[in-house]
Amino acid sequence: MQIKINKQWHGYLLGGLLPAITLVLMYFALAADFRFVDFVRYLNVRGELSRALSLSVLPNLGLFFVFIWTDRLKAAQGVLGSTIILALIIIFMRFM
């Protein structure tokens, strides 16, 4: 039995999880000596949290194109939708 990921909610789910996983990987690469909460606080105090979140959303671009190339257009719509929502959150954070 093969499960085909081609529902919009699949794209929203994966488009939200991939940036979170990327942010955790950035944490392990840059500040594994500290707690994750301290890493996020440090980024926030320095004003770099929105930039780190912006970088963590970039892998969604690859996921989007994989869904497009494999003709999973509904899932690609979900990834695009979650990326737009995350972008609006980042813009809001940047100018607050």
Protein backbone atom coordinates (compact mmCIF):
# COMPACT_ATOMS: atom_id res chain seq x y z
CA MET A 1 0.00 0.00 0.00
CA GLN A 2 1.46 3.30 -1.10
CA ILE A 3 0.38 6.54 0.54
CA LYS A 4 0.40 9.51 -1.80
CA ILE A 5 0.91 12.82 -0.06
CA ASN A 6 -1.29 15.14 -2.09
CA LYS A 7 -3.67 16.86 0.28
CA GLN A 8 -3.46 20.50 1.16
CA TRP A 9 -3.21 19.77 4.88
CA HIS A 10 -0.18 17.55 4.17
CA GLY A 11 1.53 20.59 2.70
CA TYR A 12 0.55 22.80 5.63
CA LEU A 13 1.82 20.19 8.08
CA LEU A 14 5.13 19.60 6.31
CA GLY A 15 5.52 23.31 5.55
CA GLY A 16 5.23 24.04 9.25
CA LEU A 17 7.39 21.16 10.49
CA LEU A 18 10.31 21.65 8.12
CA PRO A 19 11.17 25.18 9.37
CA ALA A 20 10.90 23.97 12.97
CA ILE A 21 13.27 21.10 12.24
CA THR A 22 15.62 23.47 10.43
CA LEU A 23 15.65 25.85 13.41
CA VAL A 24 16.50 22.94 15.72
CA LEU A 25 19.33 21.89 13.37
CA MET A 26 20.62 25.49 13.42
CA TYR A 27 20.55 25.31 17.21
CA PHE A 28 22.60 22.10 17.26
CA ALA A 29 25.07 23.55 14.75
CA LEU A 30 25.51 26.92 16.47
CA ALA A 31 24.73 26.65 20.18
CA ALA A 32 24.36 23.07 21.33
CA ASP A 33 26.13 23.96 24.59
CA PHE A 34 23.13 26.03 25.68
CA ARG A 35 19.49 25.13 26.14
CA PHE A 36 17.22 25.68 23.15
CA VAL A 37 15.20 28.29 25.07
CA ASP A 38 18.38 30.22 25.84
CA PHE A 39 19.34 30.08 22.17
CA VAL A 40 15.99 31.57 21.14
CA ARG A 41 16.24 34.25 23.86
CA TYR A 42 19.76 35.12 22.71
CA LEU A 43 18.56 35.52 19.13
CA ASN A 44 15.63 37.63 20.31
CA VAL A 45 17.79 39.93 22.46
CA ARG A 46 20.22 40.48 19.59
CA GLY A 47 17.37 41.12 17.18
CA GLU A 48 18.34 38.13 15.06
CA LEU A 49 15.33 35.89 15.69
CA SER A 50 13.43 37.04 12.62
CA ARG A 51 16.51 36.46 10.48
CA ALA A 52 17.00 32.96 11.88
CA LEU A 53 13.33 32.18 11.25
CA SER A 54 13.65 33.53 7.72
CA LEU A 55 16.55 31.18 7.08
CA SER A 56 14.65 28.26 8.57
CA VAL A 57 11.81 28.76 6.07
CA LEU A 58 14.13 28.39 3.06
CA PRO A 59 13.93 24.55 2.90
CA ASN A 60 10.22 24.98 2.18
CA LEU A 61 11.30 26.17 -1.27
CA GLY A 62 12.84 22.78 -2.00
CA LEU A 63 9.80 20.96 -0.61
CA PHE A 64 7.52 23.12 -2.75
CA PHE A 65 9.45 22.27 -5.92
CA VAL A 66 9.54 18.56 -5.08
CA PHE A 67 5.76 18.61 -4.80
CA ILE A 68 5.44 20.55 -8.06
CA TRP A 69 7.79 18.22 -9.95
CA THR A 70 6.01 15.11 -8.65
CA ASP A 71 2.60 16.53 -9.61
CA ARG A 72 1.35 16.89 -6.04
CA LEU A 73 -0.20 20.28 -6.56
CA LYS A 74 -2.51 20.27 -3.52
CA ALA A 75 0.40 19.57 -1.19
CA ALA A 76 2.39 22.31 -2.95
CA GLN A 77 -0.48 24.71 -2.27
CA GLY A 78 -0.30 23.80 1.41
CA VAL A 79 3.45 24.41 1.56
CA LEU A 80 2.98 27.76 -0.16
CA GLY A 81 0.19 28.67 2.26
CA SER A 82 2.22 27.78 5.34
CA THR A 83 5.20 29.69 3.96
CA ILE A 84 3.06 32.79 3.44
CA ILE A 85 1.71 32.52 7.00
CA LEU A 86 5.25 32.15 8.37
CA ALA A 87 6.42 35.09 6.27
CA LEU A 88 3.65 37.28 7.68
CA ILE A 89 4.63 36.25 11.22
CA ILE A 90 8.28 37.06 10.49
CA ILE A 91 7.38 40.45 9.01
CA PHE A 92 5.26 41.19 12.07
CA MET A 93 8.15 40.22 14.36
CA ARG A 94 10.63 42.28 12.34
CA PHE A 95 8.71 45.52 12.66
CA MET A 96 7.55 45.16 16.28
